[in-house]
Amino acid sequence: VFLGQEVDRFNVLFEVIVKSLEDLQRAIKGEVVMSIDLEEMFKSFLVKKVPKNWEAYSYLSLKPLGPWVNDFIKRMEFISKWLYDGPQSSYWLPAFFFPQGFMTAAKQMYSRKTSTEIDTLIFKTTIYPFSKDNVEVVPEDGVNIHGLFLQGGALDGNQMLVESPPKQLFAEVPVLWLEPKNMNHKFGDKEYMCPLYKTSSRAGELSTTGHSTNFVLFLNIPSDHEPEHWIKRGTAMLCQLDD
């Protein structure tokens, strides 16, 4: 169900892009009237910004036009791969319009399998030492995800949260296993509940679904420091960078 909803959203966005580009080409040729929307779209292209008429149907992103287009193509390719090849060994979480929906779907699968109430489930995070191209473990419960970036910290060889190296703003995060657990599960005293956001602005609004438009969830990361240490540094994970 979740995949079908994502496919529908991408199809709508794709159709909006294609139609607006065709209309703009015709307007430039003088075949149709240059509407205000098309004029604004043309101005956005000149300053390398994503047009507002695309943003209205798009996922949240702060990327300029060129990287946005490349990112959109990669998202379409991942969704197509999942659609035609079936379940993946690891899922590119930033590819989705609605990552929270993916989390809910993963919980639903576990809930049906174990007859556990979905409202009592949370995710425990395990950081693997391998990348998406070399997935060594496919979990029976929960899902593997990849494609995240860590800001305000880094991961050492033991996948522990440590200070960032000098001049390094972001660190790529390897594959994560999101394992469903009962909400009474006890995390370690020095595990940092790292917030995950869609973009670096970290600002969002409460949508009609009850979810934030930017915040996704908290991911527990092991550390030798108390959580307050990372809170003061503003350490967080991001689904995408701004370039």
C-alpha atoms as a PDB file:
ATOM      1  CA  VAL A   1       0.000   0.000   0.000  1.00  0.00           C
ATOM      2  CA  PHE A   2       2.785   2.431   0.934  1.00  0.00           C
ATOM      3  CA  LEU A   3       4.667   1.762  -2.302  1.00  0.00           C
ATOM      4  CA  GLY A   4       1.511   2.364  -4.323  1.00  0.00           C
ATOM      5  CA  GLN A   5       0.969   5.708  -2.606  1.00  0.00           C
ATOM      6  CA  GLU A   6       4.552   6.764  -3.326  1.00  0.00           C
ATOM      7  CA  VAL A   7       4.231   5.723  -6.985  1.00  0.00           C
ATOM      8  CA  ASP A   8       1.087   7.847  -7.290  1.00  0.00           C
ATOM      9  CA  ARG A   9       2.858  10.888  -5.800  1.00  0.00           C
ATOM     10  CA  PHE A  10       5.826  10.515  -8.148  1.00  0.00           C
ATOM     11  CA  ASN A  11       3.550  10.062 -11.163  1.00  0.00           C
ATOM     12  CA  VAL A  12       1.670  13.263 -10.321  1.00  0.00           C
ATOM     13  CA  LEU A  13       4.906  15.231  -9.903  1.00  0.00           C
ATOM     14  CA  PHE A  14       6.321  13.798 -13.123  1.00  0.00           C
ATOM     15  CA  GLU A  15       3.184  14.754 -15.051  1.00  0.00           C
ATOM     16  CA  VAL A  16       3.279  18.295 -13.605  1.00  0.00           C
ATOM     17  CA  ILE A  17       6.920  18.687 -14.661  1.00  0.00           C
ATOM     18  CA  VAL A  18       6.368  17.385 -18.184  1.00  0.00           C
ATOM     19  CA  LYS A  19       3.212  19.424 -18.832  1.00  0.00           C
ATOM     20  CA  SER A  20       4.656  22.665 -17.444  1.00  0.00           C
ATOM     21  CA  LEU A  21       7.815  22.293 -19.534  1.00  0.00           C
ATOM     22  CA  GLU A  22       5.750  21.669 -22.656  1.00  0.00           C
ATOM     23  CA  ASP A  23       3.581  24.715 -21.890  1.00  0.00           C
ATOM     24  CA  LEU A  24       6.656  26.873 -21.296  1.00  0.00           C
ATOM     25  CA  GLN A  25       8.190  25.816 -24.596  1.00  0.00           C
ATOM     26  CA  ARG A  26       4.974  26.689 -26.429  1.00  0.00           C
ATOM     27  CA  ALA A  27       4.753  30.036 -24.621  1.00  0.00           C
ATOM     28  CA  ILE A  28       8.328  30.927 -25.589  1.00  0.00           C
ATOM     29  CA  LYS A  29       7.481  30.115 -29.210  1.00  0.00           C
ATOM     30  CA  GLY A  30       4.408  32.334 -28.971  1.00  0.00           C
ATOM     31  CA  GLU A  31       1.932  29.512 -29.524  1.00  0.00           C
ATOM     32  CA  VAL A  32       0.155  30.138 -26.199  1.00  0.00           C
ATOM     33  CA  VAL A  33      -0.103  33.054 -23.781  1.00  0.00           C
ATOM     34  CA  MET A  34       2.714  33.331 -21.233  1.00  0.00           C
ATOM     35  CA  SER A  35       0.759  32.994 -17.978  1.00  0.00           C
ATOM     36  CA  ILE A  36       1.955  34.337 -14.639  1.00  0.00           C
ATOM     37  CA  ASP A  37       2.815  30.808 -13.491  1.00  0.00           C
ATOM     38  CA  LEU A  38       4.881  30.135 -16.608  1.00  0.00           C
ATOM     39  CA  GLU A  39       6.643  33.482 -16.272  1.00  0.00           C
ATOM     40  CA  GLU A  40       7.515  32.725 -12.650  1.00  0.00           C
ATOM     41  CA  MET A  41       8.708  29.287 -13.717  1.00  0.00           C
ATOM     42  CA  PHE A  42      10.982  30.845 -16.360  1.00  0.00           C
ATOM     43  CA  LYS A  43      12.386  33.297 -13.787  1.00  0.00           C
ATOM     44  CA  SER A  44      13.093  30.402 -11.419  1.00  0.00           C
ATOM     45  CA  PHE A  45      15.107  28.655 -14.130  1.00  0.00           C
ATOM     46  CA  LEU A  46      17.217  31.779 -14.607  1.00  0.00           C
ATOM     47  CA  VAL A  47      18.277  31.761 -10.945  1.00  0.00           C
ATOM     48  CA  LYS A  48      18.497  27.953 -10.779  1.00  0.00           C
ATOM     49  CA  LYS A  49      15.620  27.506  -8.345  1.00  0.00           C
ATOM     50  CA  VAL A  50      12.926  24.833  -8.330  1.00  0.00           C
ATOM     51  CA  PRO A  51       9.705  26.443  -9.694  1.00  0.00           C
ATOM     52  CA  LYS A  52       6.914  26.950  -7.187  1.00  0.00           C
ATOM     53  CA  ASN A  53       4.453  25.071  -9.393  1.00  0.00           C
ATOM     54  CA  TRP A  54       6.735  22.025  -9.041  1.00  0.00           C
ATOM     55  CA  GLU A  55       7.258  22.524  -5.307  1.00  0.00           C
ATOM     56  CA  ALA A  56       3.498  22.444  -4.772  1.00  0.00           C
ATOM     57  CA  TYR A  57       3.509  18.756  -5.769  1.00  0.00           C
ATOM     58  CA  SER A  58       7.021  17.898  -4.608  1.00  0.00           C
ATOM     59  CA  TYR A  59       8.693  16.426  -1.549  1.00  0.00           C
ATOM     60  CA  LEU A  60      10.482  18.728   0.909  1.00  0.00           C
ATOM     61  CA  SER A  61      13.891  19.816  -0.425  1.00  0.00           C
ATOM     62  CA  LEU A  62      16.289  22.760  -0.211  1.00  0.00           C
ATOM     63  CA  LYS A  63      18.375  21.779  -3.234  1.00  0.00           C
ATOM     64  CA  PRO A  64      18.875  24.192  -6.151  1.00  0.00           C
ATOM     65  CA  LEU A  65      17.425  23.236  -9.535  1.00  0.00           C
ATOM     66  CA  GLY A  66      20.300  21.160 -10.966  1.00  0.00           C
ATOM     67  CA  PRO A  67      20.877  18.914  -7.939  1.00  0.00           C
ATOM     68  CA  TRP A  68      17.113  18.738  -7.401  1.00  0.00           C
ATOM     69  CA  VAL A  69      16.590  17.280 -10.880  1.00  0.00           C
ATOM     70  CA  ASN A  70      19.398  14.742 -10.384  1.00  0.00           C
ATOM     71  CA  ASP A  71      17.929  13.789  -7.001  1.00  0.00           C
ATOM     72  CA  PHE A  72      14.458  13.430  -8.510  1.00  0.00           C
ATOM     73  CA  ILE A  73      15.777  11.040 -11.171  1.00  0.00           C
ATOM     74  CA  LYS A  74      17.547   8.924  -8.541  1.00  0.00           C
ATOM     75  CA  ARG A  75      14.371   8.766  -6.458  1.00  0.00           C
ATOM     76  CA  MET A  76      12.365   7.636  -9.489  1.00  0.00           C
ATOM     77  CA  GLU A  77      14.968   4.954 -10.236  1.00  0.00           C
ATOM     78  CA  PHE A  78      14.841   3.603  -6.672  1.00  0.00           C
ATOM     79  CA  ILE A  79      11.035   3.525  -6.580  1.00  0.00           C
ATOM     80  CA  SER A  80      11.003   1.760  -9.970  1.00  0.00           C
ATOM     81  CA  LYS A  81      13.565  -0.789  -8.751  1.00  0.00           C
ATOM     82  CA  TRP A  82      11.448  -1.581  -5.692  1.00  0.00           C
ATOM     83  CA  LEU A  83       8.287  -1.748  -7.803  1.00  0.00           C
ATOM     84  CA  TYR A  84       9.685  -4.146 -10.418  1.00  0.00           C
ATOM     85  CA  ASP A  85      12.294  -6.124  -8.434  1.00  0.00           C
ATOM     86  CA  GLY A  86      10.341  -6.549  -5.210  1.00  0.00           C
ATOM     87  CA  PRO A  87      11.511  -6.060  -1.588  1.00  0.00           C
ATOM     88  CA  GLN A  88      14.996  -4.556  -1.221  1.00  0.00           C
ATOM     89  CA  SER A  89      17.831  -5.599   1.087  1.00  0.00           C
ATOM     90  CA  SER A  90      18.055  -1.951   2.182  1.00  0.00           C
ATOM     91  CA  TYR A  91      15.715   0.959   1.521  1.00  0.00           C
ATOM     92  CA  TRP A  92      16.821   4.454   0.550  1.00  0.00           C
ATOM     93  CA  LEU A  93      14.731   6.299   3.119  1.00  0.00           C
ATOM     94  CA  PRO A  94      15.314   9.824   1.684  1.00  0.00           C
ATOM     95  CA  ALA A  95      13.726   8.698  -1.602  1.00  0.00           C
ATOM     96  CA  PHE A  96      10.235   8.807  -0.147  1.00  0.00           C
ATOM     97  CA  PHE A  97       7.763  11.677  -0.079  1.00  0.00           C
ATOM     98  CA  PHE A  98       6.543  10.454   3.301  1.00  0.00           C
ATOM     99  CA  PRO A  99       9.244   8.542   5.266  1.00  0.00           C
ATOM    100  CA  GLN A 100       6.945   8.400   8.302  1.00  0.00           C
ATOM    101  CA  GLY A 101       4.557   6.291   6.231  1.00  0.00           C
ATOM    102  CA  PHE A 102       7.364   3.849   5.484  1.00  0.00           C
ATOM    103  CA  MET A 103       8.029   3.519   9.229  1.00  0.00           C
ATOM    104  CA  THR A 104       4.356   2.846   9.878  1.00  0.00           C
ATOM    105  CA  ALA A 105       4.276   0.215   7.119  1.00  0.00           C
ATOM    106  CA  ALA A 106       7.301  -1.563   8.641  1.00  0.00           C
ATOM    107  CA  LYS A 107       5.596  -1.590  12.046  1.00  0.00           C
ATOM    108  CA  GLN A 108       2.384  -2.916  10.494  1.00  0.00           C
ATOM    109  CA  MET A 109       4.219  -5.863   8.958  1.00  0.00           C
ATOM    110  CA  TYR A 110       5.745  -6.758  12.327  1.00  0.00           C
ATOM    111  CA  SER A 111       2.422  -6.166  14.088  1.00  0.00           C
ATOM    112  CA  ARG A 112       0.595  -8.611  11.809  1.00  0.00           C
ATOM    113  CA  LYS A 113       3.371 -11.182  12.103  1.00  0.00           C
ATOM    114  CA  THR A 114       3.465 -11.143  15.920  1.00  0.00           C
ATOM    115  CA  SER A 115      -0.125 -10.028  16.692  1.00  0.00           C
ATOM    116  CA  THR A 116       1.296  -7.013  18.527  1.00  0.00           C
ATOM    117  CA  GLU A 117      -0.572  -3.738  18.721  1.00  0.00           C
ATOM    118  CA  ILE A 118       1.128  -1.256  16.430  1.00  0.00           C
ATOM    119  CA  ASP A 119       0.701   1.588  18.915  1.00  0.00           C
ATOM    120  CA  THR A 120       3.000  -0.230  21.358  1.00  0.00           C
ATOM    121  CA  LEU A 121       5.921  -0.469  18.916  1.00  0.00           C
ATOM    122  CA  ILE A 122       9.021   1.698  18.558  1.00  0.00           C
ATOM    123  CA  PHE A 123      12.255   1.201  16.612  1.00  0.00           C
ATOM    124  CA  LYS A 124      15.638   0.209  18.033  1.00  0.00           C
ATOM    125  CA  THR A 125      18.529   1.269  15.785  1.00  0.00           C
ATOM    126  CA  THR A 126      21.529  -0.912  14.973  1.00  0.00           C
ATOM    127  CA  ILE A 127      24.293   0.702  12.911  1.00  0.00           C
ATOM    128  CA  TYR A 128      25.965  -1.769  10.567  1.00  0.00           C
ATOM    129  CA  PRO A 129      29.583  -1.442   9.377  1.00  0.00           C
ATOM    130  CA  PHE A 130      28.659  -1.910   5.700  1.00  0.00           C
ATOM    131  CA  SER A 131      27.203   0.277   2.957  1.00  0.00           C
ATOM    132  CA  LYS A 132      24.117  -0.193   0.779  1.00  0.00           C
ATOM    133  CA  ASP A 133      26.248  -1.767  -1.960  1.00  0.00           C
ATOM    134  CA  ASN A 134      27.450  -4.515   0.348  1.00  0.00           C
ATOM    135  CA  VAL A 135      24.503  -5.446   2.551  1.00  0.00           C
ATOM    136  CA  GLU A 136      25.476  -8.529   4.541  1.00  0.00           C
ATOM    137  CA  VAL A 137      22.380  -8.955   6.720  1.00  0.00           C
ATOM    138  CA  VAL A 138      18.712  -8.783   5.744  1.00  0.00           C
ATOM    139  CA  PRO A 139      16.623  -8.821   8.938  1.00  0.00           C
ATOM    140  CA  GLU A 140      13.581 -11.034   9.428  1.00  0.00           C
ATOM    141  CA  ASP A 141      11.959  -8.308  11.532  1.00  0.00           C
ATOM    142  CA  GLY A 142      12.183  -4.636  10.726  1.00  0.00           C
ATOM    143  CA  VAL A 143      14.014  -3.072   7.782  1.00  0.00           C
ATOM    144  CA  ASN A 144      17.430  -1.854   6.682  1.00  0.00           C
ATOM    145  CA  ILE A 145      17.654   1.783   5.609  1.00  0.00           C
ATOM    146  CA  HIS A 146      20.447   3.889   4.122  1.00  0.00           C
ATOM    147  CA  GLY A 147      21.198   7.290   2.607  1.00  0.00           C
ATOM    148  CA  LEU A 148      21.323   9.383   5.794  1.00  0.00           C
ATOM    149  CA  PHE A 149      23.846  12.041   6.840  1.00  0.00           C
ATOM    150  CA  LEU A 150      25.071  12.882  10.335  1.00  0.00           C
ATOM    151  CA  GLN A 151      25.552  16.538  11.301  1.00  0.00           C
ATOM    152  CA  GLY A 152      27.389  17.590  14.447  1.00  0.00           C
ATOM    153  CA  GLY A 153      29.155  14.286  14.950  1.00  0.00           C
ATOM    154  CA  ALA A 154      30.700  11.242  13.284  1.00  0.00           C
ATOM    155  CA  LEU A 155      30.837   7.464  13.695  1.00  0.00           C
ATOM    156  CA  ASP A 156      34.039   5.632  14.640  1.00  0.00           C
ATOM    157  CA  GLY A 157      35.067   2.112  13.639  1.00  0.00           C
ATOM    158  CA  ASN A 158      32.825   0.646  16.333  1.00  0.00           C
ATOM    159  CA  GLN A 159      29.833   2.663  15.066  1.00  0.00           C
ATOM    160  CA  MET A 160      29.930   4.847  18.172  1.00  0.00           C
ATOM    161  CA  LEU A 161      29.018   8.528  18.046  1.00  0.00           C
ATOM    162  CA  VAL A 162      32.162  10.663  18.324  1.00  0.00           C
ATOM    163  CA  GLU A 163      33.260  14.228  17.586  1.00  0.00           C
ATOM    164  CA  SER A 164      33.456  15.297  13.939  1.00  0.00           C
ATOM    165  CA  PRO A 165      36.918  15.558  12.369  1.00  0.00           C
ATOM    166  CA  PRO A 166      38.077  19.145  11.735  1.00  0.00           C
ATOM    167  CA  LYS A 167      36.332  20.898   8.820  1.00  0.00           C
ATOM    168  CA  GLN A 168      33.885  18.020   8.321  1.00  0.00           C
ATOM    169  CA  LEU A 169      30.300  19.242   8.524  1.00  0.00           C
ATOM    170  CA  PHE A 170      28.543  16.029   7.541  1.00  0.00           C
ATOM    171  CA  ALA A 171      29.298  12.317   7.714  1.00  0.00           C
ATOM    172  CA  GLU A 172      27.636   9.632   5.623  1.00  0.00           C
ATOM    173  CA  VAL A 173      25.821   7.058   7.710  1.00  0.00           C
ATOM    174  CA  PRO A 174      26.096   3.355   6.767  1.00  0.00           C
ATOM    175  CA  VAL A 175      23.173   0.956   6.677  1.00  0.00           C
ATOM    176  CA  LEU A 176      20.880   1.073   9.722  1.00  0.00           C
ATOM    177  CA  TRP A 177      18.631  -1.701  10.970  1.00  0.00           C
ATOM    178  CA  LEU A 178      15.333  -0.484  12.383  1.00  0.00           C
ATOM    179  CA  GLU A 179      14.189  -3.277  14.673  1.00  0.00           C
ATOM    180  CA  PRO A 180      10.639  -3.119  16.101  1.00  0.00           C
ATOM    181  CA  LYS A 181      10.583  -3.225  19.888  1.00  0.00           C
ATOM    182  CA  ASN A 182       7.966  -2.777  22.571  1.00  0.00           C
ATOM    183  CA  MET A 183       7.665   0.818  23.705  1.00  0.00           C
ATOM    184  CA  ASN A 184       8.858  -0.253  27.173  1.00  0.00           C
ATOM    185  CA  HIS A 185      12.267  -1.222  25.756  1.00  0.00           C
ATOM    186  CA  LYS A 186      15.057   0.363  27.825  1.00  0.00           C
ATOM    187  CA  PHE A 187      17.823   2.169  25.959  1.00  0.00           C
ATOM    188  CA  GLY A 188      21.291   2.713  27.419  1.00  0.00           C
ATOM    189  CA  ASP A 189      21.927   5.778  29.568  1.00  0.00           C
ATOM    190  CA  LYS A 190      24.545   7.026  27.094  1.00  0.00           C
ATOM    191  CA  GLU A 191      22.594   6.273  23.953  1.00  0.00           C
ATOM    192  CA  TYR A 192      21.766   9.506  22.170  1.00  0.00           C
ATOM    193  CA  MET A 193      18.251   9.735  20.769  1.00  0.00           C
ATOM    194  CA  CYS A 194      19.294  11.414  17.544  1.00  0.00           C
ATOM    195  CA  PRO A 195      16.528  13.273  15.670  1.00  0.00           C
ATOM    196  CA  LEU A 196      16.181  12.602  11.953  1.00  0.00           C
ATOM    197  CA  TYR A 197      15.011  15.428   9.697  1.00  0.00           C
ATOM    198  CA  LYS A 198      14.226  15.553   5.990  1.00  0.00           C
ATOM    199  CA  THR A 199      16.240  18.768   5.430  1.00  0.00           C
ATOM    200  CA  SER A 200      18.870  20.824   7.219  1.00  0.00           C
ATOM    201  CA  SER A 201      16.386  23.580   8.089  1.00  0.00           C
ATOM    202  CA  ARG A 202      15.025  21.219  10.779  1.00  0.00           C
ATOM    203  CA  ALA A 203      11.857  23.325  10.761  1.00  0.00           C
ATOM    204  CA  GLY A 204       8.471  21.878   9.965  1.00  0.00           C
ATOM    205  CA  GLU A 205       4.767  22.170  10.546  1.00  0.00           C
ATOM    206  CA  LEU A 206       2.258  19.678  11.872  1.00  0.00           C
ATOM    207  CA  SER A 207       0.459  18.188   8.885  1.00  0.00           C
ATOM    208  CA  THR A 208      -3.124  16.944   8.717  1.00  0.00           C
ATOM    209  CA  THR A 209      -1.839  13.397   9.333  1.00  0.00           C
ATOM    210  CA  GLY A 210      -0.488  14.441  12.729  1.00  0.00           C
ATOM    211  CA  HIS A 211       3.131  14.141  11.556  1.00  0.00           C
ATOM    212  CA  SER A 212       5.710  16.898  11.216  1.00  0.00           C
ATOM    213  CA  THR A 213       6.511  17.984   7.668  1.00  0.00           C
ATOM    214  CA  ASN A 214      10.248  17.750   8.479  1.00  0.00           C
ATOM    215  CA  PHE A 215      10.952  15.646  11.588  1.00  0.00           C
ATOM    216  CA  VAL A 216      10.844  11.879  10.928  1.00  0.00           C
ATOM    217  CA  LEU A 217      11.799  10.019  14.137  1.00  0.00           C
ATOM    218  CA  PHE A 218      14.471   9.540  16.816  1.00  0.00           C
ATOM    219  CA  LEU A 219      17.296   7.037  16.222  1.00  0.00           C
ATOM    220  CA  ASN A 220      19.262   5.708  19.200  1.00  0.00           C
ATOM    221  CA  ILE A 221      23.042   5.931  18.678  1.00  0.00           C
ATOM    222  CA  PRO A 222      25.577   4.518  21.179  1.00  0.00           C
ATOM    223  CA  SER A 223      28.098   6.994  22.619  1.00  0.00           C
ATOM    224  CA  ASP A 224      30.637   7.423  25.418  1.00  0.00           C
ATOM    225  CA  HIS A 225      29.124  10.819  26.263  1.00  0.00           C
ATOM    226  CA  GLU A 226      25.919  11.722  28.006  1.00  0.00           C
ATOM    227  CA  PRO A 227      23.044  12.730  25.674  1.00  0.00           C
ATOM    228  CA  GLU A 228      23.325  16.369  26.824  1.00  0.00           C
ATOM    229  CA  HIS A 229      26.748  16.544  25.184  1.00  0.00           C
ATOM    230  CA  TRP A 230      25.238  15.960  21.731  1.00  0.00           C
ATOM    231  CA  ILE A 231      22.126  18.019  22.411  1.00  0.00           C
ATOM    232  CA  LYS A 232      24.337  21.073  22.998  1.00  0.00           C
ATOM    233  CA  ARG A 233      26.080  20.400  19.678  1.00  0.00           C
ATOM    234  CA  GLY A 234      22.796  20.111  17.831  1.00  0.00           C
ATOM    235  CA  THR A 235      23.727  16.662  16.555  1.00  0.00           C
ATOM    236  CA  ALA A 236      21.136  15.278  14.158  1.00  0.00           C
ATOM    237  CA  MET A 237      20.696  13.100  11.086  1.00  0.00           C
ATOM    238  CA  LEU A 238      19.440  14.426   7.756  1.00  0.00           C
ATOM    239  CA  CYS A 239      17.793  12.690   4.817  1.00  0.00           C
ATOM    240  CA  GLN A 240      19.496  15.005   2.332  1.00  0.00           C
ATOM    241  CA  LEU A 241      22.044  17.781   2.021  1.00  0.00           C
ATOM    242  CA  ASP A 242      21.372  21.168   0.455  1.00  0.00           C
ATOM    243  CA  ASP A 243      23.566  20.679  -2.616  1.00  0.00           C
END
